[in-house]
Amino acid sequence: MANELIHLENDYSECAHPAILERIARENTTSRSGYGVDDACDSAAAKIRGLIGRDDADVHFLIGGTSVNLIALAAFLRPHEAIICAEQAHINVHETGAVEASGHKLLTASTTDGKLTPELVELLYSKQTDEHMVKPRLAYISNATELGTVYTADELRKLRGCCDALNLLLYMDGARLGSALAASDLEWTHLPRYLDAFYIGGTKNGALFGEAMVIINDALKPDFRYLIKQRGGMLAKGFLLGHQFDVLFEDDLFLSLARHANRIADGLRAALVAKGVRFLVETQTNMLFPILPNEWVAKLRKRFAFHDAERISNTETAVRLVASWASPESIVDEFAACVNQL
């Protein structure tokens, strides 16, 4: 309908890519073992191992990002150990304190772009001096970050060096990993080189639901399935996750969807730049944070659905616009036309 809002709130407003629905429909009455021990999960895991070039990686399929982070960080850390992260980190601001509820303190770094640097990690590490304080043990990063920024291969390499020097694990939240890979020089094979563990987000890149947890460090692998079950992350119909990731990693579909979302965001960005709009942070991915007069925000909301990100002043607000793998090309022209009328 012509008067329906165009949704730019997030990248999971649509159900799933048609190829995933077709696979599930085709396999609907085929019986399989449960809990992720099936041929669909095996096939998807093998494809992921092939992409990253590590046959020895453990791959687990879980339901959603919050449960992945909670389970992984609870599994990887001893009770007195803490996590270093950016203050904008998803585990700090958007997971209802799930990780801290499991007993692990978050040590947050103040950043303007949502990215950790070796200097920030070293600074926070240096403040925890003895057994009267928590012991930093893991650096948590998101790629793409909550602000839509991305890590380059060199930035990850430097973080790895810093973590090695401080005896820290390096863990990546990959809820929007597809968008980050499509927007940077980072390759699949860089991930196991620099990270102890990471997850690949399906929920925000064409899947109905689900994330793929990839564990590289051998010391972190034992008993992980026990923690998945104990923490409520083990899906009885695990083959539903396997089917989805098996499809996403056929014929480059995963990155193709991410490139599309980034391309739509590029079009929205171009329209805003042409209007002279400035941004809260410069991004390369499918998320934009334009700073707009409040009256513009009100007018745009008559046609587009989106979230506020930050109040800049009494008259200006930074909003968040998120393009999706399913966003039609036509919304770029419609958005540009609306912006031009402001």
C-alpha atoms as a PDB file:
ATOM      1  CA  MET A   1       0.000   0.000   0.000  1.00  0.00           C
ATOM      2  CA  ALA A   2       1.204   3.474  -0.890  1.00  0.00           C
ATOM      3  CA  ASN A   3       0.662   4.846   2.611  1.00  0.00           C
ATOM      4  CA  GLU A   4       2.541   2.046   4.417  1.00  0.00           C
ATOM      5  CA  LEU A   5       5.603   3.119   6.318  1.00  0.00           C
ATOM      6  CA  ILE A   6       8.959   2.178   4.862  1.00  0.00           C
ATOM      7  CA  HIS A   7      10.862   0.429   7.626  1.00  0.00           C
ATOM      8  CA  LEU A   8      14.394   1.562   8.358  1.00  0.00           C
ATOM      9  CA  GLU A   9      14.432   0.618  12.073  1.00  0.00           C
ATOM     10  CA  ASN A  10      16.544  -2.502  11.705  1.00  0.00           C
ATOM     11  CA  ASP A  11      17.754  -5.255   9.383  1.00  0.00           C
ATOM     12  CA  TYR A  12      15.466  -8.014  10.647  1.00  0.00           C
ATOM     13  CA  SER A  13      11.998  -6.613   9.981  1.00  0.00           C
ATOM     14  CA  GLU A  14      11.406  -9.133   7.179  1.00  0.00           C
ATOM     15  CA  CYS A  15      10.984 -12.876   7.750  1.00  0.00           C
ATOM     16  CA  ALA A  16      13.709 -14.544   5.696  1.00  0.00           C
ATOM     17  CA  HIS A  17      15.237 -14.828   2.253  1.00  0.00           C
ATOM     18  CA  PRO A  18      12.945 -16.890  -0.027  1.00  0.00           C
ATOM     19  CA  ALA A  19      15.630 -19.539  -0.599  1.00  0.00           C
ATOM     20  CA  ILE A  20      15.631 -20.295   3.133  1.00  0.00           C
ATOM     21  CA  LEU A  21      11.855 -20.603   3.255  1.00  0.00           C
ATOM     22  CA  GLU A  22      11.947 -22.841   0.185  1.00  0.00           C
ATOM     23  CA  ARG A  23      14.516 -25.129   1.817  1.00  0.00           C
ATOM     24  CA  ILE A  24      12.534 -25.408   5.030  1.00  0.00           C
ATOM     25  CA  ALA A  25       9.295 -26.066   3.112  1.00  0.00           C
ATOM     26  CA  ARG A  26      11.004 -28.719   0.979  1.00  0.00           C
ATOM     27  CA  GLU A  27      12.436 -30.468   4.049  1.00  0.00           C
ATOM     28  CA  ASN A  28       9.353 -29.947   6.200  1.00  0.00           C
ATOM     29  CA  THR A  29       8.351 -33.600   6.570  1.00  0.00           C
ATOM     30  CA  THR A  30      11.849 -35.094   6.561  1.00  0.00           C
ATOM     31  CA  SER A  31      12.684 -36.446  10.013  1.00  0.00           C
ATOM     32  CA  ARG A  32      16.057 -35.615  11.544  1.00  0.00           C
ATOM     33  CA  SER A  33      17.823 -35.962  14.865  1.00  0.00           C
ATOM     34  CA  GLY A  34      17.433 -32.968  17.174  1.00  0.00           C
ATOM     35  CA  TYR A  35      19.676 -30.524  18.997  1.00  0.00           C
ATOM     36  CA  GLY A  36      21.965 -29.720  16.088  1.00  0.00           C
ATOM     37  CA  VAL A  37      23.205 -33.260  15.491  1.00  0.00           C
ATOM     38  CA  ASP A  38      22.003 -33.681  11.927  1.00  0.00           C
ATOM     39  CA  ASP A  39      23.138 -33.544   8.309  1.00  0.00           C
ATOM     40  CA  ALA A  40      21.928 -29.966   7.717  1.00  0.00           C
ATOM     41  CA  CYS A  41      23.992 -28.608  10.606  1.00  0.00           C
ATOM     42  CA  ASP A  42      26.950 -30.756   9.552  1.00  0.00           C
ATOM     43  CA  SER A  43      26.786 -29.370   6.011  1.00  0.00           C
ATOM     44  CA  ALA A  44      26.500 -25.755   7.163  1.00  0.00           C
ATOM     45  CA  ALA A  45      29.370 -26.173   9.623  1.00  0.00           C
ATOM     46  CA  ALA A  46      31.557 -27.700   6.919  1.00  0.00           C
ATOM     47  CA  LYS A  47      30.884 -24.727   4.643  1.00  0.00           C
ATOM     48  CA  ILE A  48      31.844 -22.280   7.404  1.00  0.00           C
ATOM     49  CA  ARG A  49      35.047 -24.201   8.135  1.00  0.00           C
ATOM     50  CA  GLY A  50      35.881 -24.098   4.439  1.00  0.00           C
ATOM     51  CA  LEU A  51      35.298 -20.349   4.228  1.00  0.00           C
ATOM     52  CA  ILE A  52      37.580 -19.546   7.139  1.00  0.00           C
ATOM     53  CA  GLY A  53      40.139 -22.164   6.174  1.00  0.00           C
ATOM     54  CA  ARG A  54      40.074 -24.012   9.496  1.00  0.00           C
ATOM     55  CA  ASP A  55      38.932 -27.615   9.521  1.00  0.00           C
ATOM     56  CA  ASP A  56      39.577 -27.723  13.275  1.00  0.00           C
ATOM     57  CA  ALA A  57      37.093 -24.947  14.177  1.00  0.00           C
ATOM     58  CA  ASP A  58      34.133 -25.884  16.361  1.00  0.00           C
ATOM     59  CA  VAL A  59      30.856 -24.553  14.946  1.00  0.00           C
ATOM     60  CA  HIS A  60      27.650 -24.375  17.012  1.00  0.00           C
ATOM     61  CA  PHE A  61      24.280 -23.010  15.902  1.00  0.00           C
ATOM     62  CA  LEU A  62      22.320 -20.969  18.452  1.00  0.00           C
ATOM     63  CA  ILE A  63      19.066 -19.065  18.516  1.00  0.00           C
ATOM     64  CA  GLY A  64      20.008 -15.391  18.895  1.00  0.00           C
ATOM     65  CA  GLY A  65      22.761 -12.897  19.590  1.00  0.00           C
ATOM     66  CA  THR A  66      22.102 -12.225  23.273  1.00  0.00           C
ATOM     67  CA  SER A  67      22.118 -15.929  24.127  1.00  0.00           C
ATOM     68  CA  VAL A  68      25.281 -16.470  22.085  1.00  0.00           C
ATOM     69  CA  ASN A  69      27.127 -13.706  23.922  1.00  0.00           C
ATOM     70  CA  LEU A  70      25.852 -14.794  27.330  1.00  0.00           C
ATOM     71  CA  ILE A  71      26.720 -18.458  26.791  1.00  0.00           C
ATOM     72  CA  ALA A  72      30.098 -17.815  25.177  1.00  0.00           C
ATOM     73  CA  LEU A  73      31.334 -15.348  27.768  1.00  0.00           C
ATOM     74  CA  ALA A  74      30.084 -17.482  30.651  1.00  0.00           C
ATOM     75  CA  ALA A  75      31.876 -20.475  29.138  1.00  0.00           C
ATOM     76  CA  PHE A  76      35.150 -18.720  28.380  1.00  0.00           C
ATOM     77  CA  LEU A  77      35.660 -16.915  31.713  1.00  0.00           C
ATOM     78  CA  ARG A  78      36.228 -17.898  35.323  1.00  0.00           C
ATOM     79  CA  PRO A  79      34.004 -16.185  37.920  1.00  0.00           C
ATOM     80  CA  HIS A  80      36.485 -13.433  38.830  1.00  0.00           C
ATOM     81  CA  GLU A  81      37.361 -12.549  35.238  1.00  0.00           C
ATOM     82  CA  ALA A  82      36.115  -9.462  33.411  1.00  0.00           C
ATOM     83  CA  ILE A  83      35.478  -8.204  29.890  1.00  0.00           C
ATOM     84  CA  ILE A  84      36.918  -5.105  28.234  1.00  0.00           C
ATOM     85  CA  CYS A  85      34.581  -3.518  25.701  1.00  0.00           C
ATOM     86  CA  ALA A  86      33.542  -0.191  24.199  1.00  0.00           C
ATOM     87  CA  GLU A  87      30.872   1.696  26.124  1.00  0.00           C
ATOM     88  CA  GLN A  88      28.561   1.333  23.096  1.00  0.00           C
ATOM     89  CA  ALA A  89      29.020  -2.457  23.033  1.00  0.00           C
ATOM     90  CA  HIS A  90      25.858  -4.471  22.576  1.00  0.00           C
ATOM     91  CA  ILE A  91      26.547  -6.463  25.746  1.00  0.00           C
ATOM     92  CA  ASN A  92      26.754  -3.180  27.654  1.00  0.00           C
ATOM     93  CA  VAL A  93      23.726  -1.298  26.358  1.00  0.00           C
ATOM     94  CA  HIS A  94      21.292  -3.665  24.616  1.00  0.00           C
ATOM     95  CA  GLU A  95      21.270  -7.012  26.405  1.00  0.00           C
ATOM     96  CA  THR A  96      19.577  -6.071  29.693  1.00  0.00           C
ATOM     97  CA  GLY A  97      22.734  -6.751  31.668  1.00  0.00           C
ATOM     98  CA  ALA A  98      22.703 -10.432  30.642  1.00  0.00           C
ATOM     99  CA  VAL A  99      26.472 -10.880  30.781  1.00  0.00           C
ATOM    100  CA  GLU A 100      26.836  -9.040  34.078  1.00  0.00           C
ATOM    101  CA  ALA A 101      23.922 -11.052  35.465  1.00  0.00           C
ATOM    102  CA  SER A 102      26.041 -14.133  34.804  1.00  0.00           C
ATOM    103  CA  GLY A 103      28.691 -12.673  37.104  1.00  0.00           C
ATOM    104  CA  HIS A 104      31.194 -11.021  34.768  1.00  0.00           C
ATOM    105  CA  LYS A 105      31.910  -7.317  35.091  1.00  0.00           C
ATOM    106  CA  LEU A 106      32.182  -5.155  31.968  1.00  0.00           C
ATOM    107  CA  LEU A 107      35.053  -2.671  31.889  1.00  0.00           C
ATOM    108  CA  THR A 108      33.998  -0.069  29.329  1.00  0.00           C
ATOM    109  CA  ALA A 109      36.117   2.256  27.218  1.00  0.00           C
ATOM    110  CA  SER A 110      34.902   5.673  26.118  1.00  0.00           C
ATOM    111  CA  THR A 111      34.947   5.855  22.314  1.00  0.00           C
ATOM    112  CA  THR A 112      33.482   8.067  19.601  1.00  0.00           C
ATOM    113  CA  ASP A 113      33.233   5.307  16.986  1.00  0.00           C
ATOM    114  CA  GLY A 114      32.401   2.203  19.032  1.00  0.00           C
ATOM    115  CA  LYS A 115      35.768   0.551  18.323  1.00  0.00           C
ATOM    116  CA  LEU A 116      38.366  -0.758  20.744  1.00  0.00           C
ATOM    117  CA  THR A 117      42.019   0.086  20.153  1.00  0.00           C
ATOM    118  CA  PRO A 118      45.132  -1.413  21.762  1.00  0.00           C
ATOM    119  CA  GLU A 119      45.608   1.834  23.682  1.00  0.00           C
ATOM    120  CA  LEU A 120      42.108   1.643  25.177  1.00  0.00           C
ATOM    121  CA  VAL A 121      42.541  -2.017  26.069  1.00  0.00           C
ATOM    122  CA  GLU A 122      45.892  -1.350  27.726  1.00  0.00           C
ATOM    123  CA  LEU A 123      44.483   1.591  29.687  1.00  0.00           C
ATOM    124  CA  LEU A 124      41.591  -0.402  31.137  1.00  0.00           C
ATOM    125  CA  TYR A 125      43.821  -3.379  31.822  1.00  0.00           C
ATOM    126  CA  SER A 126      46.282  -1.235  33.739  1.00  0.00           C
ATOM    127  CA  LYS A 127      43.593  -0.031  36.158  1.00  0.00           C
ATOM    128  CA  GLN A 128      42.890  -3.536  37.471  1.00  0.00           C
ATOM    129  CA  THR A 129      45.903  -3.985  39.701  1.00  0.00           C
ATOM    130  CA  ASP A 130      45.371  -6.923  42.057  1.00  0.00           C
ATOM    131  CA  GLU A 131      43.044  -9.546  43.512  1.00  0.00           C
ATOM    132  CA  HIS A 132      40.851  -6.885  45.146  1.00  0.00           C
ATOM    133  CA  MET A 133      39.576  -6.066  41.656  1.00  0.00           C
ATOM    134  CA  VAL A 134      38.243  -8.151  38.802  1.00  0.00           C
ATOM    135  CA  LYS A 135      40.842  -9.576  36.445  1.00  0.00           C
ATOM    136  CA  PRO A 136      40.542  -8.572  32.755  1.00  0.00           C
ATOM    137  CA  ARG A 137      40.602 -11.711  30.644  1.00  0.00           C
ATOM    138  CA  LEU A 138      38.732 -10.986  27.402  1.00  0.00           C
ATOM    139  CA  ALA A 139      38.371  -8.130  24.937  1.00  0.00           C
ATOM    140  CA  TYR A 140      34.941  -7.992  23.289  1.00  0.00           C
ATOM    141  CA  ILE A 141      34.442  -6.271  19.944  1.00  0.00           C
ATOM    142  CA  SER A 142      31.521  -6.028  17.530  1.00  0.00           C
ATOM    143  CA  ASN A 143      31.978  -5.982  13.780  1.00  0.00           C
ATOM    144  CA  ALA A 144      30.165  -4.033  12.544  1.00  0.00           C
ATOM    145  CA  THR A 145      29.946  -2.000  15.745  1.00  0.00           C
ATOM    146  CA  GLU A 146      26.762  -0.598  17.232  1.00  0.00           C
ATOM    147  CA  LEU A 147      27.630   2.629  15.393  1.00  0.00           C
ATOM    148  CA  GLY A 148      28.042   0.936  12.023  1.00  0.00           C
ATOM    149  CA  THR A 149      31.825   1.267  11.945  1.00  0.00           C
ATOM    150  CA  VAL A 150      34.114  -1.590  10.936  1.00  0.00           C
ATOM    151  CA  TYR A 151      37.494  -3.013  11.830  1.00  0.00           C
ATOM    152  CA  THR A 152      40.161  -3.329   9.169  1.00  0.00           C
ATOM    153  CA  ALA A 153      42.417  -6.364   8.976  1.00  0.00           C
ATOM    154  CA  ASP A 154      45.307  -4.297  10.323  1.00  0.00           C
ATOM    155  CA  GLU A 155      43.243  -3.068  13.276  1.00  0.00           C
ATOM    156  CA  LEU A 156      42.378  -6.638  14.178  1.00  0.00           C
ATOM    157  CA  ARG A 157      46.011  -7.661  13.833  1.00  0.00           C
ATOM    158  CA  LYS A 158      47.060  -4.935  16.262  1.00  0.00           C
ATOM    159  CA  LEU A 159      44.332  -5.874  18.723  1.00  0.00           C
ATOM    160  CA  ARG A 160      45.486  -9.489  18.547  1.00  0.00           C
ATOM    161  CA  GLY A 161      49.026  -8.427  19.365  1.00  0.00           C
ATOM    162  CA  CYS A 162      47.824  -6.358  22.309  1.00  0.00           C
ATOM    163  CA  CYS A 163      45.673  -9.207  23.651  1.00  0.00           C
ATOM    164  CA  ASP A 164      48.550 -11.666  23.336  1.00  0.00           C
ATOM    165  CA  ALA A 165      50.837  -9.310  25.276  1.00  0.00           C
ATOM    166  CA  LEU A 166      48.250  -8.985  28.073  1.00  0.00           C
ATOM    167  CA  ASN A 167      47.098 -12.628  28.026  1.00  0.00           C
ATOM    168  CA  LEU A 168      43.591 -11.650  26.926  1.00  0.00           C
ATOM    169  CA  LEU A 169      41.165 -13.539  24.739  1.00  0.00           C
ATOM    170  CA  LEU A 170      39.749 -11.686  21.721  1.00  0.00           C
ATOM    171  CA  TYR A 171      36.073 -12.339  20.966  1.00  0.00           C
ATOM    172  CA  MET A 172      33.991 -10.849  18.154  1.00  0.00           C
ATOM    173  CA  ASP A 173      30.239 -10.302  18.158  1.00  0.00           C
ATOM    174  CA  GLY A 174      29.341 -10.804  14.508  1.00  0.00           C
ATOM    175  CA  ALA A 175      25.653  -9.912  14.512  1.00  0.00           C
ATOM    176  CA  ARG A 176      26.369  -7.764  11.431  1.00  0.00           C
ATOM    177  CA  LEU A 177      29.533  -9.516  10.306  1.00  0.00           C
ATOM    178  CA  GLY A 178      28.244  -9.809   6.746  1.00  0.00           C
ATOM    179  CA  SER A 179      27.882  -6.045   6.415  1.00  0.00           C
ATOM    180  CA  ALA A 180      31.345  -5.527   7.932  1.00  0.00           C
ATOM    181  CA  LEU A 181      33.042  -7.998   5.589  1.00  0.00           C
ATOM    182  CA  ALA A 182      31.290  -6.456   2.595  1.00  0.00           C
ATOM    183  CA  ALA A 183      32.454  -2.969   3.618  1.00  0.00           C
ATOM    184  CA  SER A 184      36.109  -3.571   4.516  1.00  0.00           C
ATOM    185  CA  ASP A 185      39.339  -5.306   3.543  1.00  0.00           C
ATOM    186  CA  LEU A 186      38.664  -8.024   6.102  1.00  0.00           C
ATOM    187  CA  GLU A 187      38.494 -11.551   4.669  1.00  0.00           C
ATOM    188  CA  TRP A 188      36.976 -14.704   6.124  1.00  0.00           C
ATOM    189  CA  THR A 189      40.439 -16.168   6.613  1.00  0.00           C
ATOM    190  CA  HIS A 190      41.526 -13.224   8.760  1.00  0.00           C
ATOM    191  CA  LEU A 191      39.006 -14.159  11.454  1.00  0.00           C
ATOM    192  CA  PRO A 192      40.607 -17.359  12.801  1.00  0.00           C
ATOM    193  CA  ARG A 193      44.025 -15.723  12.501  1.00  0.00           C
ATOM    194  CA  TYR A 194      43.164 -12.916  14.912  1.00  0.00           C
ATOM    195  CA  LEU A 195      40.220 -14.137  17.011  1.00  0.00           C
ATOM    196  CA  ASP A 196      39.819 -16.817  19.655  1.00  0.00           C
ATOM    197  CA  ALA A 197      36.107 -17.075  18.916  1.00  0.00           C
ATOM    198  CA  PHE A 198      33.416 -15.208  17.002  1.00  0.00           C
ATOM    199  CA  TYR A 199      29.892 -15.638  15.785  1.00  0.00           C
ATOM    200  CA  ILE A 200      28.318 -15.145  12.383  1.00  0.00           C
ATOM    201  CA  GLY A 201      24.974 -13.355  12.539  1.00  0.00           C
ATOM    202  CA  GLY A 202      22.112 -14.809  10.542  1.00  0.00           C
ATOM    203  CA  THR A 203      19.207 -12.973  12.166  1.00  0.00           C
ATOM    204  CA  LYS A 204      20.266  -9.626  10.673  1.00  0.00           C
ATOM    205  CA  ASN A 205      21.363 -10.998   7.323  1.00  0.00           C
ATOM    206  CA  GLY A 206      18.520 -12.946   5.783  1.00  0.00           C
ATOM    207  CA  ALA A 207      17.795 -15.778   8.227  1.00  0.00           C
ATOM    208  CA  LEU A 208      14.566 -16.325  10.123  1.00  0.00           C
ATOM    209  CA  PHE A 209      16.686 -16.492  13.262  1.00  0.00           C
ATOM    210  CA  GLY A 210      19.987 -17.894  14.412  1.00  0.00           C
ATOM    211  CA  GLU A 211      23.710 -17.310  14.793  1.00  0.00           C
ATOM    212  CA  ALA A 212      26.711 -19.530  14.123  1.00  0.00           C
ATOM    213  CA  MET A 213      29.258 -19.658  16.962  1.00  0.00           C
ATOM    214  CA  VAL A 214      32.796 -20.410  15.779  1.00  0.00           C
ATOM    215  CA  ILE A 215      35.441 -21.387  18.340  1.00  0.00           C
ATOM    216  CA  ILE A 216      39.078 -21.377  17.211  1.00  0.00           C
ATOM    217  CA  ASN A 217      41.026 -21.564  20.476  1.00  0.00           C
ATOM    218  CA  ASP A 218      41.251 -25.225  21.524  1.00  0.00           C
ATOM    219  CA  ALA A 219      41.173 -24.278  25.212  1.00  0.00           C
ATOM    220  CA  LEU A 220      37.667 -22.830  24.792  1.00  0.00           C
ATOM    221  CA  LYS A 221      36.111 -25.815  23.024  1.00  0.00           C
ATOM    222  CA  PRO A 222      35.510 -28.431  25.771  1.00  0.00           C
ATOM    223  CA  ASP A 223      31.976 -28.818  27.112  1.00  0.00           C
ATOM    224  CA  PHE A 224      30.564 -25.882  25.139  1.00  0.00           C
ATOM    225  CA  ARG A 225      27.432 -27.876  24.274  1.00  0.00           C
ATOM    226  CA  TYR A 226      26.816 -28.410  27.992  1.00  0.00           C
ATOM    227  CA  LEU A 227      26.744 -24.640  28.477  1.00  0.00           C
ATOM    228  CA  ILE A 228      24.460 -24.167  25.461  1.00  0.00           C
ATOM    229  CA  LYS A 229      21.966 -26.588  26.988  1.00  0.00           C
ATOM    230  CA  GLN A 230      22.257 -25.285  30.544  1.00  0.00           C
ATOM    231  CA  ARG A 231      21.746 -21.681  29.448  1.00  0.00           C
ATOM    232  CA  GLY A 232      18.701 -22.421  27.296  1.00  0.00           C
ATOM    233  CA  GLY A 233      20.325 -21.892  23.904  1.00  0.00           C
ATOM    234  CA  MET A 234      19.963 -25.396  22.460  1.00  0.00           C
ATOM    235  CA  LEU A 235      17.110 -25.613  19.968  1.00  0.00           C
ATOM    236  CA  ALA A 236      15.393 -29.010  19.889  1.00  0.00           C
ATOM    237  CA  LYS A 237      14.707 -28.563  16.173  1.00  0.00           C
ATOM    238  CA  GLY A 238      18.331 -27.601  15.566  1.00  0.00           C
ATOM    239  CA  PHE A 239      18.081 -28.636  11.930  1.00  0.00           C
ATOM    240  CA  LEU A 240      16.082 -25.440  11.327  1.00  0.00           C
ATOM    241  CA  LEU A 241      19.279 -23.514  12.078  1.00  0.00           C
ATOM    242  CA  GLY A 242      21.336 -25.880   9.965  1.00  0.00           C
ATOM    243  CA  HIS A 243      19.081 -25.457   6.930  1.00  0.00           C
ATOM    244  CA  GLN A 244      19.287 -21.681   7.156  1.00  0.00           C
ATOM    245  CA  PHE A 245      23.056 -21.419   7.369  1.00  0.00           C
ATOM    246  CA  ASP A 246      23.494 -24.128   4.764  1.00  0.00           C
ATOM    247  CA  VAL A 247      21.478 -21.964   2.348  1.00  0.00           C
ATOM    248  CA  LEU A 248      23.177 -18.703   3.371  1.00  0.00           C
ATOM    249  CA  PHE A 249      26.562 -20.153   2.497  1.00  0.00           C
ATOM    250  CA  GLU A 250      25.558 -21.435  -0.921  1.00  0.00           C
ATOM    251  CA  ASP A 251      26.633 -19.405  -3.966  1.00  0.00           C
ATOM    252  CA  ASP A 252      27.879 -16.428  -1.903  1.00  0.00           C
ATOM    253  CA  LEU A 253      24.328 -15.608  -0.761  1.00  0.00           C
ATOM    254  CA  PHE A 254      25.429 -14.437   2.699  1.00  0.00           C
ATOM    255  CA  LEU A 255      27.743 -11.705   1.417  1.00  0.00           C
ATOM    256  CA  SER A 256      25.470 -10.895  -1.508  1.00  0.00           C
ATOM    257  CA  LEU A 257      22.677  -9.971   0.911  1.00  0.00           C
ATOM    258  CA  ALA A 258      25.078  -7.886   2.998  1.00  0.00           C
ATOM    259  CA  ARG A 259      26.369  -6.038  -0.061  1.00  0.00           C
ATOM    260  CA  HIS A 260      22.801  -5.199  -1.035  1.00  0.00           C
ATOM    261  CA  ALA A 261      22.040  -3.727   2.402  1.00  0.00           C
ATOM    262  CA  ASN A 262      25.235  -1.673   2.283  1.00  0.00           C
ATOM    263  CA  ARG A 263      24.414  -0.449  -1.210  1.00  0.00           C
ATOM    264  CA  ILE A 264      20.955   0.733  -0.138  1.00  0.00           C
ATOM    265  CA  ALA A 265      22.545   2.598   2.775  1.00  0.00           C
ATOM    266  CA  ASP A 266      25.000   4.184   0.348  1.00  0.00           C
ATOM    267  CA  GLY A 267      22.058   5.549  -1.610  1.00  0.00           C
ATOM    268  CA  LEU A 268      20.392   6.966   1.499  1.00  0.00           C
ATOM    269  CA  ARG A 269      23.705   8.491   2.578  1.00  0.00           C
ATOM    270  CA  ALA A 270      24.186  10.165  -0.797  1.00  0.00           C
ATOM    271  CA  ALA A 271      20.789  11.833  -0.547  1.00  0.00           C
ATOM    272  CA  LEU A 272      21.605  13.173   2.911  1.00  0.00           C
ATOM    273  CA  VAL A 273      25.076  14.363   1.926  1.00  0.00           C
ATOM    274  CA  ALA A 274      23.605  16.211  -1.059  1.00  0.00           C
ATOM    275  CA  LYS A 275      21.335  18.020   1.396  1.00  0.00           C
ATOM    276  CA  GLY A 276      24.320  19.051   3.515  1.00  0.00           C
ATOM    277  CA  VAL A 277      23.489  16.783   6.441  1.00  0.00           C
ATOM    278  CA  ARG A 278      26.267  15.914   8.891  1.00  0.00           C
ATOM    279  CA  PHE A 279      26.589  12.581  10.685  1.00  0.00           C
ATOM    280  CA  LEU A 280      27.170  11.449  14.254  1.00  0.00           C
ATOM    281  CA  VAL A 281      29.788   9.003  12.964  1.00  0.00           C
ATOM    282  CA  GLU A 282      31.058   8.075   9.514  1.00  0.00           C
ATOM    283  CA  THR A 283      29.986   4.559   8.569  1.00  0.00           C
ATOM    284  CA  GLN A 284      30.574   2.206   5.668  1.00  0.00           C
ATOM    285  CA  THR A 285      27.925  -0.375   6.471  1.00  0.00           C
ATOM    286  CA  ASN A 286      24.134  -0.599   6.347  1.00  0.00           C
ATOM    287  CA  MET A 287      23.621   1.781   9.296  1.00  0.00           C
ATOM    288  CA  LEU A 288      23.553   5.581   9.113  1.00  0.00           C
ATOM    289  CA  PHE A 289      23.404   8.140  11.919  1.00  0.00           C
ATOM    290  CA  PRO A 290      22.435  11.489  10.372  1.00  0.00           C
ATOM    291  CA  ILE A 291      21.986  14.538  12.597  1.00  0.00           C
ATOM    292  CA  LEU A 292      18.712  16.198  11.638  1.00  0.00           C
ATOM    293  CA  PRO A 293      16.633  19.175  12.766  1.00  0.00           C
ATOM    294  CA  ASN A 294      13.762  17.906  14.865  1.00  0.00           C
ATOM    295  CA  GLU A 295      11.216  19.253  12.401  1.00  0.00           C
ATOM    296  CA  TRP A 296      12.859  17.176   9.660  1.00  0.00           C
ATOM    297  CA  VAL A 297      12.659  14.098  11.852  1.00  0.00           C
ATOM    298  CA  ALA A 298       8.935  14.628  12.350  1.00  0.00           C
ATOM    299  CA  LYS A 299       8.349  15.041   8.616  1.00  0.00           C
ATOM    300  CA  LEU A 300      10.384  11.983   7.636  1.00  0.00           C
ATOM    301  CA  ARG A 301       8.487   9.873  10.171  1.00  0.00           C
ATOM    302  CA  LYS A 302       5.316  10.355   8.148  1.00  0.00           C
ATOM    303  CA  ARG A 303       6.807   8.028   5.511  1.00  0.00           C
ATOM    304  CA  PHE A 304       9.710   6.199   7.172  1.00  0.00           C
ATOM    305  CA  ALA A 305      10.009   4.259  10.421  1.00  0.00           C
ATOM    306  CA  PHE A 306      13.337   4.642  12.248  1.00  0.00           C
ATOM    307  CA  HIS A 307      14.786   5.092  15.738  1.00  0.00           C
ATOM    308  CA  ASP A 308      16.370   8.026  17.508  1.00  0.00           C
ATOM    309  CA  ALA A 309      20.025   7.445  18.361  1.00  0.00           C
ATOM    310  CA  GLU A 310      21.110  10.457  20.400  1.00  0.00           C
ATOM    311  CA  ARG A 311      19.813  13.873  21.343  1.00  0.00           C
ATOM    312  CA  ILE A 312      22.300  16.443  20.043  1.00  0.00           C
ATOM    313  CA  SER A 313      20.602  19.620  21.250  1.00  0.00           C
ATOM    314  CA  ASN A 314      17.147  21.039  21.864  1.00  0.00           C
ATOM    315  CA  THR A 315      16.714  21.384  18.118  1.00  0.00           C
ATOM    316  CA  GLU A 316      18.661  18.434  16.636  1.00  0.00           C
ATOM    317  CA  THR A 317      18.580  14.650  16.951  1.00  0.00           C
ATOM    318  CA  ALA A 318      20.847  11.954  15.573  1.00  0.00           C
ATOM    319  CA  VAL A 319      18.645   9.196  14.178  1.00  0.00           C
ATOM    320  CA  ARG A 320      19.528   5.666  13.119  1.00  0.00           C
ATOM    321  CA  LEU A 321      18.622   4.460   9.639  1.00  0.00           C
ATOM    322  CA  VAL A 322      19.206   0.773   8.885  1.00  0.00           C
ATOM    323  CA  ALA A 323      18.993  -0.753   5.422  1.00  0.00           C
ATOM    324  CA  SER A 324      18.082  -4.414   5.109  1.00  0.00           C
ATOM    325  CA  TRP A 325      19.025  -7.311   2.866  1.00  0.00           C
ATOM    326  CA  ALA A 326      15.409  -7.037   1.667  1.00  0.00           C
ATOM    327  CA  SER A 327      15.175  -3.257   1.216  1.00  0.00           C
ATOM    328  CA  PRO A 328      13.934  -2.562  -2.333  1.00  0.00           C
ATOM    329  CA  GLU A 329      16.062  -0.364  -4.567  1.00  0.00           C
ATOM    330  CA  SER A 330      13.060   1.938  -4.988  1.00  0.00           C
ATOM    331  CA  ILE A 331      13.304   3.292  -1.447  1.00  0.00           C
ATOM    332  CA  VAL A 332      16.499   5.165  -2.321  1.00  0.00           C
ATOM    333  CA  ASP A 333      14.714   7.398  -4.824  1.00  0.00           C
ATOM    334  CA  GLU A 334      11.718   7.840  -2.534  1.00  0.00           C
ATOM    335  CA  PHE A 335      13.936   8.746   0.402  1.00  0.00           C
ATOM    336  CA  ALA A 336      15.912  11.208  -1.748  1.00  0.00           C
ATOM    337  CA  ALA A 337      12.688  12.837  -2.925  1.00  0.00           C
ATOM    338  CA  CYS A 338      11.479  13.266   0.668  1.00  0.00           C
ATOM    339  CA  VAL A 339      14.837  14.659   1.804  1.00  0.00           C
ATOM    340  CA  ASN A 340      14.874  17.153  -1.074  1.00  0.00           C
ATOM    341  CA  GLN A 341      11.499  18.509   0.055  1.00  0.00           C
ATOM    342  CA  LEU A 342      12.691  19.234   3.609  1.00  0.00           C
END
